[in-house]
């Protein structure tokens, strides 16, 4: 919902219009929207399905590798910084 500046009327946007506007937003604006969706839905929207057998096996394999060599883990802050540098530049 937004207000048309010159008329003072409330203007509603359809879902299609909202989706079309998302690419025009800054990464910070999109993150704010994502945070709000997370807040409203409690994160449930991220877990709508069951893992496949292959996905479960991959997770188990990676967990076992980590347990064998925990010092090889990279702190989340480092991973996030790398991803931001790679994809936000």
PDB file of N, CA and C in Angstrom:
ATOM      1  N   UNK A   1       0.851  -1.170   0.000  1.00  0.00           N
ATOM      2  CA  UNK A   1       0.000   0.000   0.000  1.00  0.00           C
ATOM      3  C   UNK A   1       0.899   1.236   0.000  1.00  0.00           C
ATOM      4  N   UNK A   2       0.538   2.194  -0.792  1.00  0.00           N
ATOM      5  CA  UNK A   2       1.278   3.462  -0.814  1.00  0.00           C
ATOM      6  C   UNK A   2       0.306   4.593  -1.067  1.00  0.00           C
ATOM      7  N   UNK A   3       0.716   5.787  -0.753  1.00  0.00           N
ATOM      8  CA  UNK A   3      -0.129   6.955  -0.956  1.00  0.00           C
ATOM      9  C   UNK A   3       0.350   7.691  -2.192  1.00  0.00           C
ATOM     10  N   UNK A   4      -0.549   7.962  -3.084  1.00  0.00           N
ATOM     11  CA  UNK A   4      -0.201   8.765  -4.251  1.00  0.00           C
ATOM     12  C   UNK A   4       0.039  10.185  -3.766  1.00  0.00           C
ATOM     13  N   UNK A   5       1.246  10.695  -3.989  1.00  0.00           N
ATOM     14  CA  UNK A   5       1.655  11.978  -3.420  1.00  0.00           C
ATOM     15  C   UNK A   5       0.755  13.145  -3.823  1.00  0.00           C
ATOM     16  N   UNK A   6       0.352  13.186  -5.058  1.00  0.00           N
ATOM     17  CA  UNK A   6      -0.415  14.346  -5.510  1.00  0.00           C
ATOM     18  C   UNK A   6      -1.899  14.269  -5.168  1.00  0.00           C
ATOM     19  N   UNK A   7      -2.438  13.063  -4.941  1.00  0.00           N
ATOM     20  CA  UNK A   7      -3.875  12.957  -4.679  1.00  0.00           C
ATOM     21  C   UNK A   7      -4.209  12.645  -3.225  1.00  0.00           C
ATOM     22  N   UNK A   8      -3.248  12.136  -2.456  1.00  0.00           N
ATOM     23  CA  UNK A   8      -3.516  11.753  -1.085  1.00  0.00           C
ATOM     24  C   UNK A   8      -4.273  10.443  -0.973  1.00  0.00           C
ATOM     25  N   UNK A   9      -4.531   9.768  -2.098  1.00  0.00           N
ATOM     26  CA  UNK A   9      -5.249   8.492  -2.088  1.00  0.00           C
ATOM     27  C   UNK A   9      -4.284   7.347  -1.799  1.00  0.00           C
ATOM     28  N   UNK A  10      -4.821   6.303  -1.206  1.00  0.00           N
ATOM     29  CA  UNK A  10      -4.035   5.098  -0.948  1.00  0.00           C
ATOM     30  C   UNK A  10      -4.072   4.243  -2.213  1.00  0.00           C
ATOM     31  N   UNK A  11      -2.896   3.799  -2.638  1.00  0.00           N
ATOM     32  CA  UNK A  11      -2.780   2.970  -3.834  1.00  0.00           C
ATOM     33  C   UNK A  11      -2.293   1.592  -3.404  1.00  0.00           C
ATOM     34  N   UNK A  12      -2.975   0.552  -3.825  1.00  0.00           N
ATOM     35  CA  UNK A  12      -2.590  -0.809  -3.495  1.00  0.00           C
ATOM     36  C   UNK A  12      -1.813  -1.410  -4.650  1.00  0.00           C
ATOM     37  N   UNK A  13      -0.797  -2.203  -4.311  1.00  0.00           N
ATOM     38  CA  UNK A  13      -0.013  -2.883  -5.329  1.00  0.00           C
ATOM     39  C   UNK A  13      -0.391  -4.362  -5.317  1.00  0.00           C
ATOM     40  N   UNK A  14      -0.499  -4.927  -6.498  1.00  0.00           N
ATOM     41  CA  UNK A  14      -0.760  -6.358  -6.591  1.00  0.00           C
ATOM     42  C   UNK A  14       0.529  -7.121  -6.289  1.00  0.00           C
ATOM     43  N   UNK A  15       0.378  -8.393  -6.044  1.00  0.00           N
ATOM     44  CA  UNK A  15       1.555  -9.221  -5.808  1.00  0.00           C
ATOM     45  C   UNK A  15       2.489  -9.164  -7.014  1.00  0.00           C
ATOM     46  N   UNK A  16       1.938  -9.188  -8.195  1.00  0.00           N
ATOM     47  CA  UNK A  16       2.736  -9.127  -9.420  1.00  0.00           C
ATOM     48  C   UNK A  16       3.535  -7.822  -9.465  1.00  0.00           C
ATOM     49  N   UNK A  17       2.905  -6.719  -9.093  1.00  0.00           N
ATOM     50  CA  UNK A  17       3.598  -5.423  -9.081  1.00  0.00           C
ATOM     51  C   UNK A  17       4.709  -5.386  -8.034  1.00  0.00           C
ATOM     52  N   UNK A  18       4.426  -5.969  -6.890  1.00  0.00           N
ATOM     53  CA  UNK A  18       5.439  -6.007  -5.828  1.00  0.00           C
ATOM     54  C   UNK A  18       6.650  -6.802  -6.294  1.00  0.00           C
ATOM     55  N   UNK A  19       6.404  -7.955  -6.882  1.00  0.00           N
ATOM     56  CA  UNK A  19       7.499  -8.796  -7.375  1.00  0.00           C
ATOM     57  C   UNK A  19       8.288  -8.077  -8.463  1.00  0.00           C
ATOM     58  N   UNK A  20       7.606  -7.346  -9.314  1.00  0.00           N
ATOM     59  CA  UNK A  20       8.291  -6.596 -10.377  1.00  0.00           C
ATOM     60  C   UNK A  20       9.170  -5.488  -9.810  1.00  0.00           C
ATOM     61  N   UNK A  21       8.816  -4.954  -8.656  1.00  0.00           N
ATOM     62  CA  UNK A  21       9.590  -3.866  -8.042  1.00  0.00           C
ATOM     63  C   UNK A  21      10.818  -4.365  -7.273  1.00  0.00           C
ATOM     64  N   UNK A  22      10.822  -5.606  -6.847  1.00  0.00           N
ATOM     65  CA  UNK A  22      11.912  -6.117  -6.013  1.00  0.00           C
ATOM     66  C   UNK A  22      13.304  -5.937  -6.625  1.00  0.00           C
ATOM     67  N   UNK A  23      13.508  -6.227  -7.906  1.00  0.00           N
ATOM     68  CA  UNK A  23      14.855  -6.052  -8.468  1.00  0.00           C
ATOM     69  C   UNK A  23      15.334  -4.598  -8.470  1.00  0.00           C
ATOM     70  N   UNK A  24      14.437  -3.663  -8.343  1.00  0.00           N
ATOM     71  CA  UNK A  24      14.797  -2.246  -8.340  1.00  0.00           C
ATOM     72  C   UNK A  24      15.297  -1.777  -6.975  1.00  0.00           C
ATOM     73  N   UNK A  25      15.086  -2.591  -5.954  1.00  0.00           N
ATOM     74  CA  UNK A  25      15.479  -2.220  -4.593  1.00  0.00           C
ATOM     75  C   UNK A  25      16.971  -2.463  -4.368  1.00  0.00           C
ATOM     76  N   UNK A  26      17.510  -1.772  -3.406  1.00  0.00           N
ATOM     77  CA  UNK A  26      18.906  -1.985  -3.030  1.00  0.00           C
ATOM     78  C   UNK A  26      19.016  -3.305  -2.266  1.00  0.00           C
ATOM     79  N   UNK A  27      20.216  -3.878  -2.195  1.00  0.00           N
ATOM     80  CA  UNK A  27      20.382  -5.095  -1.404  1.00  0.00           C
ATOM     81  C   UNK A  27      19.939  -4.906   0.064  1.00  0.00           C
ATOM     82  N   UNK A  28      20.202  -3.739   0.627  1.00  0.00           N
ATOM     83  CA  UNK A  28      19.771  -3.482   2.009  1.00  0.00           C
ATOM     84  C   UNK A  28      18.251  -3.477   2.126  1.00  0.00           C
ATOM     85  N   UNK A  29      17.575  -2.885   1.144  1.00  0.00           N
ATOM     86  CA  UNK A  29      16.114  -2.871   1.166  1.00  0.00           C
ATOM     87  C   UNK A  29      15.557  -4.288   1.041  1.00  0.00           C
ATOM     88  N   UNK A  30      16.150  -5.095   0.142  1.00  0.00           N
ATOM     89  CA  UNK A  30      15.686  -6.477  -0.013  1.00  0.00           C
ATOM     90  C   UNK A  30      15.929  -7.279   1.269  1.00  0.00           C
ATOM     91  N   UNK A  31      17.067  -7.049   1.929  1.00  0.00           N
ATOM     92  CA  UNK A  31      17.356  -7.742   3.185  1.00  0.00           C
ATOM     93  C   UNK A  31      16.320  -7.356   4.243  1.00  0.00           C
ATOM     94  N   UNK A  32      15.940  -6.085   4.283  1.00  0.00           N
ATOM     95  CA  UNK A  32      14.933  -5.624   5.245  1.00  0.00           C
ATOM     96  C   UNK A  32      13.599  -6.330   4.991  1.00  0.00           C
ATOM     97  N   UNK A  33      13.241  -6.473   3.735  1.00  0.00           N
ATOM     98  CA  UNK A  33      11.993  -7.169   3.387  1.00  0.00           C
ATOM     99  C   UNK A  33      12.082  -8.638   3.784  1.00  0.00           C
ATOM    100  N   UNK A  34      13.218  -9.260   3.492  1.00  0.00           N
ATOM    101  CA  UNK A  34      13.409 -10.653   3.869  1.00  0.00           C
ATOM    102  C   UNK A  34      13.333 -10.831   5.377  1.00  0.00           C
ATOM    103  N   UNK A  35      13.947  -9.916   6.116  1.00  0.00           N
ATOM    104  CA  UNK A  35      13.873  -9.974   7.579  1.00  0.00           C
ATOM    105  C   UNK A  35      12.430  -9.858   8.073  1.00  0.00           C
ATOM    106  N   UNK A  36      11.650  -9.012   7.426  1.00  0.00           N
ATOM    107  CA  UNK A  36      10.245  -8.841   7.829  1.00  0.00           C
ATOM    108  C   UNK A  36       9.447 -10.107   7.528  1.00  0.00           C
ATOM    109  N   UNK A  37       9.690 -10.719   6.380  1.00  0.00           N
ATOM    110  CA  UNK A  37       9.008 -11.979   6.050  1.00  0.00           C
ATOM    111  C   UNK A  37       9.385 -13.037   7.068  1.00  0.00           C
ATOM    112  N   UNK A  38      10.669 -13.105   7.399  1.00  0.00           N
ATOM    113  CA  UNK A  38      11.131 -14.062   8.414  1.00  0.00           C
ATOM    114  C   UNK A  38      10.405 -13.828   9.738  1.00  0.00           C
ATOM    115  N   UNK A  39      10.304 -12.563  10.122  1.00  0.00           N
ATOM    116  CA  UNK A  39       9.632 -12.211  11.374  1.00  0.00           C
ATOM    117  C   UNK A  39       8.163 -12.623  11.350  1.00  0.00           C
ATOM    118  N   UNK A  40       7.477 -12.348  10.254  1.00  0.00           N
ATOM    119  CA  UNK A  40       6.052 -12.658  10.158  1.00  0.00           C
ATOM    120  C   UNK A  40       5.776 -14.151  10.117  1.00  0.00           C
ATOM    121  N   UNK A  41       6.622 -14.895   9.405  1.00  0.00           N
ATOM    122  CA  UNK A  41       6.386 -16.322   9.225  1.00  0.00           C
ATOM    123  C   UNK A  41       7.209 -17.194  10.155  1.00  0.00           C
ATOM    124  N   UNK A  42       8.038 -16.578  10.984  1.00  0.00           N
ATOM    125  CA  UNK A  42       8.841 -17.350  11.917  1.00  0.00           C
ATOM    126  C   UNK A  42       9.842 -18.263  11.237  1.00  0.00           C
ATOM    127  N   UNK A  43      10.180 -17.981  10.004  1.00  0.00           N
ATOM    128  CA  UNK A  43      11.150 -18.801   9.303  1.00  0.00           C
ATOM    129  C   UNK A  43      10.568 -20.088   8.750  1.00  0.00           C
ATOM    130  N   UNK A  44       9.289 -20.364   9.016  1.00  0.00           N
ATOM    131  CA  UNK A  44       8.679 -21.609   8.548  1.00  0.00           C
ATOM    132  C   UNK A  44       8.689 -21.749   7.037  1.00  0.00           C
ATOM    133  N   UNK A  45       8.684 -20.634   6.332  1.00  0.00           N
ATOM    134  CA  UNK A  45       8.633 -20.672   4.872  1.00  0.00           C
ATOM    135  C   UNK A  45       9.904 -21.266   4.277  1.00  0.00           C
ATOM    136  N   UNK A  46      10.977 -21.348   5.060  1.00  0.00           N
ATOM    137  CA  UNK A  46      12.217 -21.921   4.543  1.00  0.00           C
ATOM    138  C   UNK A  46      12.212 -23.444   4.576  1.00  0.00           C
ATOM    139  N   UNK A  47      11.320 -24.033   5.348  1.00  0.00           N
ATOM    140  CA  UNK A  47      11.338 -25.477   5.539  1.00  0.00           C
ATOM    141  C   UNK A  47       9.990 -26.071   5.154  1.00  0.00           C
ATOM    142  N   UNK A  48       9.694 -26.036   3.888  1.00  0.00           N
ATOM    143  CA  UNK A  48       8.385 -26.517   3.427  1.00  0.00           C
ATOM    144  C   UNK A  48       8.426 -27.963   2.924  1.00  0.00           C
ATOM    145  N   UNK A  49       9.584 -28.571   2.899  1.00  0.00           N
ATOM    146  CA  UNK A  49       9.627 -29.912   2.354  1.00  0.00           C
ATOM    147  C   UNK A  49      10.619 -30.788   3.080  1.00  0.00           C
ATOM    148  N   UNK A  50      10.544 -32.050   2.792  1.00  0.00           N
ATOM    149  CA  UNK A  50      11.451 -33.019   3.381  1.00  0.00           C
ATOM    150  C   UNK A  50      12.726 -33.097   2.549  1.00  0.00           C
ATOM    151  N   UNK A  51      13.802 -33.467   3.222  1.00  0.00           N
ATOM    152  CA  UNK A  51      15.058 -33.675   2.512  1.00  0.00           C
ATOM    153  C   UNK A  51      14.981 -34.979   1.733  1.00  0.00           C
ATOM    154  N   UNK A  52      15.637 -34.987   0.591  1.00  0.00           N
ATOM    155  CA  UNK A  52      15.729 -36.231  -0.168  1.00  0.00           C
ATOM    156  C   UNK A  52      16.765 -37.129   0.496  1.00  0.00           C
ATOM    157  N   UNK A  53      16.794 -38.369   0.089  1.00  0.00           N
ATOM    158  CA  UNK A  53      17.786 -39.312   0.607  1.00  0.00           C
ATOM    159  C   UNK A  53      19.189 -38.801   0.325  1.00  0.00           C
ATOM    160  N   UNK A  54      19.427 -38.308  -0.894  1.00  0.00           N
ATOM    161  CA  UNK A  54      20.747 -37.790  -1.265  1.00  0.00           C
ATOM    162  C   UNK A  54      21.134 -36.564  -0.438  1.00  0.00           C
ATOM    163  N   UNK A  55      20.174 -35.697  -0.168  1.00  0.00           N
ATOM    164  CA  UNK A  55      20.463 -34.517   0.655  1.00  0.00           C
ATOM    165  C   UNK A  55      20.834 -34.922   2.072  1.00  0.00           C
ATOM    166  N   UNK A  56      20.111 -35.881   2.616  1.00  0.00           N
ATOM    167  CA  UNK A  56      20.424 -36.370   3.964  1.00  0.00           C
ATOM    168  C   UNK A  56      21.822 -36.987   4.008  1.00  0.00           C
ATOM    169  N   UNK A  57      22.156 -37.767   2.991  1.00  0.00           N
ATOM    170  CA  UNK A  57      23.476 -38.403   2.933  1.00  0.00           C
ATOM    171  C   UNK A  57      24.580 -37.353   2.851  1.00  0.00           C
ATOM    172  N   UNK A  58      24.361 -36.316   2.052  1.00  0.00           N
ATOM    173  CA  UNK A  58      25.355 -35.255   1.915  1.00  0.00           C
ATOM    174  C   UNK A  58      25.564 -34.530   3.246  1.00  0.00           C
ATOM    175  N   UNK A  59      24.479 -34.236   3.937  1.00  0.00           N
ATOM    176  CA  UNK A  59      24.579 -33.572   5.245  1.00  0.00           C
ATOM    177  C   UNK A  59      25.336 -34.465   6.224  1.00  0.00           C
ATOM    178  N   UNK A  60      25.001 -35.739   6.261  1.00  0.00           N
ATOM    179  CA  UNK A  60      25.689 -36.668   7.163  1.00  0.00           C
ATOM    180  C   UNK A  60      27.178 -36.748   6.834  1.00  0.00           C
ATOM    181  N   UNK A  61      27.510 -36.791   5.542  1.00  0.00           N
ATOM    182  CA  UNK A  61      28.907 -36.856   5.110  1.00  0.00           C
ATOM    183  C   UNK A  61      29.667 -35.601   5.546  1.00  0.00           C
ATOM    184  N   UNK A  62      29.075 -34.442   5.307  1.00  0.00           N
ATOM    185  CA  UNK A  62      29.744 -33.190   5.672  1.00  0.00           C
ATOM    186  C   UNK A  62      29.891 -33.047   7.190  1.00  0.00           C
ATOM    187  N   UNK A  63      28.891 -33.489   7.930  1.00  0.00           N
ATOM    188  CA  UNK A  63      28.973 -33.441   9.389  1.00  0.00           C
ATOM    189  C   UNK A  63      30.091 -34.357   9.892  1.00  0.00           C
ATOM    190  N   UNK A  64      30.198 -35.555   9.308  1.00  0.00           N
ATOM    191  CA  UNK A  64      31.266 -36.484   9.693  1.00  0.00           C
ATOM    192  C   UNK A  64      32.634 -35.888   9.380  1.00  0.00           C
ATOM    193  N   UNK A  65      32.770 -35.254   8.211  1.00  0.00           N
ATOM    194  CA  UNK A  65      34.031 -34.598   7.849  1.00  0.00           C
ATOM    195  C   UNK A  65      34.380 -33.501   8.846  1.00  0.00           C
ATOM    196  N   UNK A  66      33.386 -32.736   9.249  1.00  0.00           N
ATOM    197  CA  UNK A  66      33.618 -31.661  10.209  1.00  0.00           C
ATOM    198  C   UNK A  66      34.043 -32.234  11.574  1.00  0.00           C
ATOM    199  N   UNK A  67      33.393 -33.298  11.989  1.00  0.00           N
ATOM    200  CA  UNK A  67      33.734 -33.895  13.281  1.00  0.00           C
ATOM    201  C   UNK A  67      35.155 -34.454  13.282  1.00  0.00           C
ATOM    202  N   UNK A  68      35.633 -34.929  12.128  1.00  0.00           N
ATOM    203  CA  UNK A  68      37.003 -35.441  12.025  1.00  0.00           C
ATOM    204  C   UNK A  68      38.028 -34.308  12.063  1.00  0.00           C
ATOM    205  N   UNK A  69      37.664 -33.158  11.521  1.00  0.00           N
ATOM    206  CA  UNK A  69      38.620 -32.057  11.390  1.00  0.00           C
ATOM    207  C   UNK A  69      37.926 -30.712  11.645  1.00  0.00           C
ATOM    208  N   UNK A  70      37.503 -30.439  12.877  1.00  0.00           N
ATOM    209  CA  UNK A  70      36.760 -29.203  13.153  1.00  0.00           C
ATOM    210  C   UNK A  70      37.572 -27.922  12.921  1.00  0.00           C
ATOM    211  N   UNK A  71      38.917 -28.027  12.975  1.00  0.00           N
ATOM    212  CA  UNK A  71      39.721 -26.814  12.756  1.00  0.00           C
ATOM    213  C   UNK A  71      39.666 -26.331  11.317  1.00  0.00           C
ATOM    214  N   UNK A  72      39.203 -27.163  10.413  1.00  0.00           N
ATOM    215  CA  UNK A  72      39.109 -26.765   9.008  1.00  0.00           C
ATOM    216  C   UNK A  72      37.884 -25.881   8.743  1.00  0.00           C
ATOM    217  N   UNK A  73      37.013 -25.766   9.729  1.00  0.00           N
ATOM    218  CA  UNK A  73      35.791 -24.958   9.554  1.00  0.00           C
ATOM    219  C   UNK A  73      36.141 -23.487   9.406  1.00  0.00           C
ATOM    220  N   UNK A  74      35.330 -22.792   8.636  1.00  0.00           N
ATOM    221  CA  UNK A  74      35.507 -21.359   8.411  1.00  0.00           C
ATOM    222  C   UNK A  74      34.396 -20.645   9.178  1.00  0.00           C
ATOM    223  N   UNK A  75      34.739 -19.643   9.985  1.00  0.00           N
ATOM    224  CA  UNK A  75      33.697 -18.914  10.714  1.00  0.00           C
ATOM    225  C   UNK A  75      32.677 -18.285   9.762  1.00  0.00           C
ATOM    226  N   UNK A  76      31.414 -18.273  10.187  1.00  0.00           N
ATOM    227  CA  UNK A  76      30.343 -17.730   9.358  1.00  0.00           C
ATOM    228  C   UNK A  76      30.654 -16.309   8.889  1.00  0.00           C
ATOM    229  N   UNK A  77      31.222 -15.486   9.747  1.00  0.00           N
ATOM    230  CA  UNK A  77      31.520 -14.101   9.376  1.00  0.00           C
ATOM    231  C   UNK A  77      32.440 -14.046   8.162  1.00  0.00           C
ATOM    232  N   UNK A  78      33.416 -14.964   8.091  1.00  0.00           N
ATOM    233  CA  UNK A  78      34.330 -15.004   6.944  1.00  0.00           C
ATOM    234  C   UNK A  78      33.608 -15.448   5.677  1.00  0.00           C
ATOM    235  N   UNK A  79      32.768 -16.475   5.822  1.00  0.00           N
ATOM    236  CA  UNK A  79      32.004 -16.965   4.667  1.00  0.00           C
ATOM    237  C   UNK A  79      31.081 -15.865   4.149  1.00  0.00           C
ATOM    238  N   UNK A  80      30.369 -15.212   5.067  1.00  0.00           N
ATOM    239  CA  UNK A  80      29.442 -14.149   4.675  1.00  0.00           C
ATOM    240  C   UNK A  80      30.183 -13.017   3.971  1.00  0.00           C
ATOM    241  N   UNK A  81      31.341 -12.628   4.500  1.00  0.00           N
ATOM    242  CA  UNK A  81      32.126 -11.555   3.886  1.00  0.00           C
ATOM    243  C   UNK A  81      32.557 -11.930   2.474  1.00  0.00           C
ATOM    244  N   UNK A  82      32.982 -13.176   2.289  1.00  0.00           N
ATOM    245  CA  UNK A  82      33.376 -13.635   0.945  1.00  0.00           C
ATOM    246  C   UNK A  82      32.199 -13.585  -0.023  1.00  0.00           C
ATOM    247  N   UNK A  83      31.045 -14.072   0.445  1.00  0.00           N
ATOM    248  CA  UNK A  83      29.858 -14.096  -0.425  1.00  0.00           C
ATOM    249  C   UNK A  83      29.409 -12.680  -0.789  1.00  0.00           C
ATOM    250  N   UNK A  84      29.414 -11.795   0.197  1.00  0.00           N
ATOM    251  CA  UNK A  84      29.026 -10.407  -0.078  1.00  0.00           C
ATOM    252  C   UNK A  84      29.981  -9.767  -1.071  1.00  0.00           C
ATOM    253  N   UNK A  85      31.266 -10.011  -0.901  1.00  0.00           N
ATOM    254  CA  UNK A  85      32.257  -9.448  -1.826  1.00  0.00           C
ATOM    255  C   UNK A  85      32.045  -9.996  -3.236  1.00  0.00           C
ATOM    256  N   UNK A  86      31.786 -11.281  -3.318  1.00  0.00           N
ATOM    257  CA  UNK A  86      31.643 -11.929  -4.627  1.00  0.00           C
ATOM    258  C   UNK A  86      30.353 -11.540  -5.356  1.00  0.00           C
ATOM    259  N   UNK A  87      29.243 -11.469  -4.620  1.00  0.00           N
ATOM    260  CA  UNK A  87      27.956 -11.286  -5.277  1.00  0.00           C
ATOM    261  C   UNK A  87      27.360  -9.888  -5.164  1.00  0.00           C
ATOM    262  N   UNK A  88      27.880  -9.061  -4.318  1.00  0.00           N
ATOM    263  CA  UNK A  88      27.325  -7.699  -4.181  1.00  0.00           C
ATOM    264  C   UNK A  88      28.192  -6.638  -4.822  1.00  0.00           C
ATOM    265  N   UNK A  89      29.226  -7.052  -5.499  1.00  0.00           N
ATOM    266  CA  UNK A  89      30.093  -6.029  -6.104  1.00  0.00           C
ATOM    267  C   UNK A  89      29.756  -5.786  -7.540  1.00  0.00           C
TER     268      UNK A  89
END
